[in-house]
Amino acid sequence: MPGPKPGALPLGDGPIRATRVSVATCNIVAHPGKDTKLANLPTPPYNQTMHKQYGFTIVEVLVVVLVLGILMTLGGLAWRTAREDAINNESKTELLTIQNAVEEYYTQNGEYPWPASCSKYSSATNRTCDAGELNPLLVPKYLKELPTDWRGKHYEYTVNKSPDNRYGLLMYRANGTKCRVGKGILAMWWNTPAPAAENCDF
């Protein structure tokens, strides 16, 4: 029986020579004395792998912008409300401080403070002051100092001697509306310019 051709794999009971498949080159190369296995297979090229692309659509961006706009608006309204409340509370405290001093003056003198003259209005029976004319009558005996409001102006004071002792103090709120405190306040006091002053709710 003729022997195997040169380079051919032996058949029958003879030893089988192992082979190794080269994946990169797709050639089968015989390696004597080694078991057949696939090792160190190369990974597929990067561009052959599926990758999810992350990002935002125009609709998603618009939704985010809308939500941020709403939050900023609500934050601005809350800040403005808090600021107005702080101004009004401080003005209320200052107005009541002046009112207490005016009432104490009345208790000791039998009449409400009557400035010699007032820059806004002066007559034989009425005074309307808004330039600190109460200062020499109340400071320092009844007040340490005469407060000014959040606008940097003096609280307006009106006093009437006839027929009864009357007086009023005017306060501007942070939103521009007006309210007044006092005794025997006449309806005509601070009714112009509109809106007319209302009685303070404190």
Protein backbone atom coordinates (compact mmCIF):
# COMPACT_ATOMS: atom_id res chain seq x y z
CA MET A 1 0.00 0.00 0.00
CA PRO A 2 1.46 3.25 -1.07
CA GLY A 3 2.25 5.79 1.67
CA PRO A 4 0.58 9.16 2.04
CA LYS A 5 1.45 11.89 -0.27
CA PRO A 6 3.81 14.46 1.02
CA GLY A 7 1.98 17.19 3.03
CA ALA A 8 -1.25 15.14 3.41
CA LEU A 9 -2.84 14.41 6.76
CA PRO A 10 -2.46 10.74 7.85
CA LEU A 11 -5.59 8.60 8.06
CA GLY A 12 -6.52 5.47 9.97
CA ASP A 13 -5.10 4.62 13.33
CA GLY A 14 -2.20 7.02 13.08
CA PRO A 15 -2.01 10.17 15.19
CA ILE A 16 -4.10 13.12 14.02
CA ARG A 17 -2.13 16.28 13.84
CA ALA A 18 -3.95 19.23 15.33
CA THR A 19 -4.86 22.23 13.29
CA ARG A 20 -5.46 25.88 14.25
CA VAL A 21 -7.80 28.17 12.43
CA SER A 22 -6.50 31.65 11.93
CA VAL A 23 -9.65 33.78 12.11
CA ALA A 24 -7.94 36.91 10.96
CA THR A 25 -6.72 35.31 7.71
CA CYS A 26 -9.28 32.48 7.37
CA ASN A 27 -6.44 29.99 6.60
CA ILE A 28 -6.08 26.62 8.27
CA VAL A 29 -2.52 26.08 9.41
CA ALA A 30 -1.30 22.74 10.73
CA HIS A 31 0.59 22.80 14.02
CA PRO A 32 2.11 19.46 14.97
CA GLY A 33 1.55 18.17 18.51
CA LYS A 34 -1.12 20.75 19.59
CA ASP A 35 -4.85 20.45 20.23
CA THR A 36 -7.27 22.22 18.00
CA LYS A 37 -8.71 25.43 19.61
CA LEU A 38 -9.74 28.94 18.78
CA ALA A 39 -7.86 31.37 20.98
CA ASN A 40 -7.39 35.06 21.19
CA LEU A 41 -10.11 35.77 18.67
CA PRO A 42 -9.91 39.40 17.58
CA THR A 43 -12.83 41.63 18.59
CA PRO A 44 -15.00 43.06 15.84
CA PRO A 45 -13.98 46.46 14.57
CA TYR A 46 -15.51 49.39 16.57
CA ASN A 47 -17.52 50.59 13.64
CA GLN A 48 -19.29 47.23 13.43
CA THR A 49 -20.73 47.54 16.99
CA MET A 50 -24.16 49.16 17.55
CA HIS A 51 -24.02 52.17 19.89
CA LYS A 52 -26.98 54.21 21.15
CA GLN A 53 -26.67 57.92 20.47
CA TYR A 54 -27.67 60.11 23.45
CA GLY A 55 -29.11 63.65 23.11
CA PHE A 56 -32.22 65.86 23.43
CA THR A 57 -34.92 66.45 20.88
CA ILE A 58 -36.24 69.94 20.17
CA VAL A 59 -39.47 69.10 22.02
CA GLU A 60 -37.53 68.03 25.11
CA VAL A 61 -35.48 71.23 25.06
CA LEU A 62 -38.65 73.35 24.71
CA VAL A 63 -40.27 71.54 27.64
CA VAL A 64 -37.23 72.19 29.83
CA VAL A 65 -37.19 75.88 28.84
CA LEU A 66 -40.92 76.17 29.59
CA VAL A 67 -40.56 74.57 33.02
CA LEU A 68 -37.61 76.82 33.89
CA GLY A 69 -39.61 79.87 32.78
CA ILE A 70 -42.54 78.91 35.01
CA LEU A 71 -40.26 78.33 38.00
CA MET A 72 -38.53 81.68 37.49
CA THR A 73 -41.89 83.47 37.24
CA LEU A 74 -43.18 81.87 40.42
CA GLY A 75 -39.92 82.65 42.20
CA GLY A 76 -40.12 86.30 41.10
CA LEU A 77 -43.70 86.63 42.34
CA ALA A 78 -42.80 85.08 45.68
CA TRP A 79 -39.82 87.42 46.06
CA ARG A 80 -41.93 90.49 45.23
CA THR A 81 -44.65 89.47 47.67
CA ALA A 82 -42.11 88.90 50.43
CA ARG A 83 -40.49 92.28 49.72
CA GLU A 84 -43.84 94.13 49.80
CA ASP A 85 -44.82 92.42 53.04
CA ALA A 86 -41.53 93.44 54.65
CA ILE A 87 -41.97 97.07 53.54
CA ASN A 88 -45.57 97.23 54.73
CA ASN A 89 -44.75 95.69 58.11
CA GLU A 90 -41.93 98.16 58.68
CA SER A 91 -44.14 101.08 57.62
CA LYS A 92 -46.89 99.89 59.96
CA THR A 93 -44.45 99.79 62.88
CA GLU A 94 -43.14 103.29 62.13
CA LEU A 95 -46.62 104.75 61.65
CA LEU A 96 -47.83 103.33 64.96
CA THR A 97 -44.70 104.66 66.66
CA ILE A 98 -45.50 108.19 65.46
CA GLN A 99 -49.16 107.77 66.40
CA ASN A 100 -48.24 106.75 69.95
CA ALA A 101 -46.00 109.81 70.25
CA VAL A 102 -48.81 112.08 68.98
CA GLU A 103 -51.27 110.59 71.49
CA GLU A 104 -48.76 110.99 74.32
CA TYR A 105 -48.26 114.62 73.29
CA TYR A 106 -52.03 115.10 73.47
CA THR A 107 -52.19 113.52 76.93
CA GLN A 108 -49.59 115.95 78.28
CA ASN A 109 -50.63 119.09 76.38
CA GLY A 110 -54.39 118.78 75.83
CA GLU A 111 -54.08 119.16 72.06
CA TYR A 112 -52.46 117.40 69.16
CA PRO A 113 -49.14 118.70 67.86
CA TRP A 114 -49.67 121.98 66.01
CA PRO A 115 -46.64 122.95 63.91
CA ALA A 116 -46.03 126.67 63.45
CA SER A 117 -46.39 126.14 59.70
CA CYS A 118 -46.44 123.28 57.22
CA SER A 119 -44.97 123.29 53.75
CA LYS A 120 -47.89 121.41 52.17
CA TYR A 121 -50.85 123.29 53.67
CA SER A 122 -51.40 125.80 56.47
CA SER A 123 -54.52 127.68 57.56
CA ALA A 124 -55.92 129.06 60.80
CA THR A 125 -57.55 125.74 61.65
CA ASN A 126 -55.66 123.14 59.64
CA ARG A 127 -52.12 121.96 59.00
CA THR A 128 -50.86 119.31 56.57
CA CYS A 129 -47.19 118.49 56.91
CA ASP A 130 -44.95 116.13 54.95
CA ALA A 131 -41.49 117.63 55.44
CA GLY A 132 -40.65 116.72 59.02
CA GLU A 133 -42.44 119.65 60.69
CA LEU A 134 -43.34 117.35 63.59
CA ASN A 135 -39.68 116.92 64.45
CA PRO A 136 -39.29 119.90 66.87
CA LEU A 137 -42.55 118.98 68.64
CA LEU A 138 -41.90 115.27 69.17
CA VAL A 139 -38.11 114.79 69.19
CA PRO A 140 -36.46 113.98 71.56
CA LYS A 141 -39.14 114.02 74.26
CA TYR A 142 -41.61 111.67 72.59
CA LEU A 143 -39.48 110.13 69.86
CA LYS A 144 -35.80 109.39 69.55
CA GLU A 145 -36.06 110.42 65.91
CA LEU A 146 -38.84 111.03 63.39
CA PRO A 147 -39.02 108.02 61.05
CA THR A 148 -39.15 108.29 57.27
CA ASP A 149 -40.89 105.76 55.07
CA TRP A 150 -39.46 103.27 52.54
CA ARG A 151 -39.41 106.03 49.90
CA GLY A 152 -37.22 108.19 52.12
CA LYS A 153 -40.06 110.67 52.77
CA HIS A 154 -41.75 111.74 55.99
CA TYR A 155 -45.12 110.31 56.91
CA GLU A 156 -47.78 112.89 56.15
CA TYR A 157 -49.53 114.47 59.14
CA THR A 158 -52.78 116.43 59.14
CA VAL A 159 -54.26 118.19 62.19
CA ASN A 160 -57.49 120.15 62.57
CA LYS A 161 -58.39 122.33 65.57
CA SER A 162 -61.99 123.11 64.74
CA PRO A 163 -64.58 122.06 65.64
CA ASP A 164 -62.81 119.20 67.42
CA ASN A 165 -59.25 118.09 67.80
CA ARG A 166 -58.59 115.78 64.84
CA TYR A 167 -55.48 114.39 63.33
CA GLY A 168 -54.39 111.80 60.81
CA LEU A 169 -51.22 110.10 59.64
CA LEU A 170 -50.81 108.77 56.11
CA MET A 171 -48.85 105.73 55.00
CA TYR A 172 -47.92 104.60 51.49
CA ARG A 173 -47.88 100.86 50.97
CA ALA A 174 -45.31 99.13 48.78
CA ASN A 175 -47.83 98.80 45.93
CA GLY A 176 -48.54 102.55 45.93
CA THR A 177 -51.90 102.47 47.72
CA LYS A 178 -52.48 104.61 50.82
CA CYS A 179 -53.96 104.07 54.26
CA ARG A 180 -54.42 106.35 57.26
CA VAL A 181 -54.69 106.22 61.04
CA GLY A 182 -55.76 108.92 63.50
CA LYS A 183 -58.72 110.35 65.39
CA GLY A 184 -61.81 111.94 63.87
CA ILE A 185 -60.43 111.59 60.34
CA LEU A 186 -62.49 113.48 57.78
CA ALA A 187 -63.54 111.71 54.58
CA MET A 188 -61.98 114.48 52.48
CA TRP A 189 -58.50 113.88 53.87
CA TRP A 190 -56.26 112.27 51.28
CA ASN A 191 -59.07 111.45 48.88
CA THR A 192 -57.05 112.91 46.00
CA PRO A 193 -55.24 111.96 43.93
CA ALA A 194 -57.10 108.74 43.34
CA PRO A 195 -57.24 106.18 44.71
CA ALA A 196 -58.40 107.72 47.97
CA ALA A 197 -56.70 106.66 51.16
CA GLU A 198 -58.50 104.00 53.17
CA ASN A 199 -58.37 103.40 56.88
CA CYS A 200 -55.46 101.14 57.80
CA ASP A 201 -56.55 97.66 58.86
CA PHE A 202 -54.38 97.58 61.97
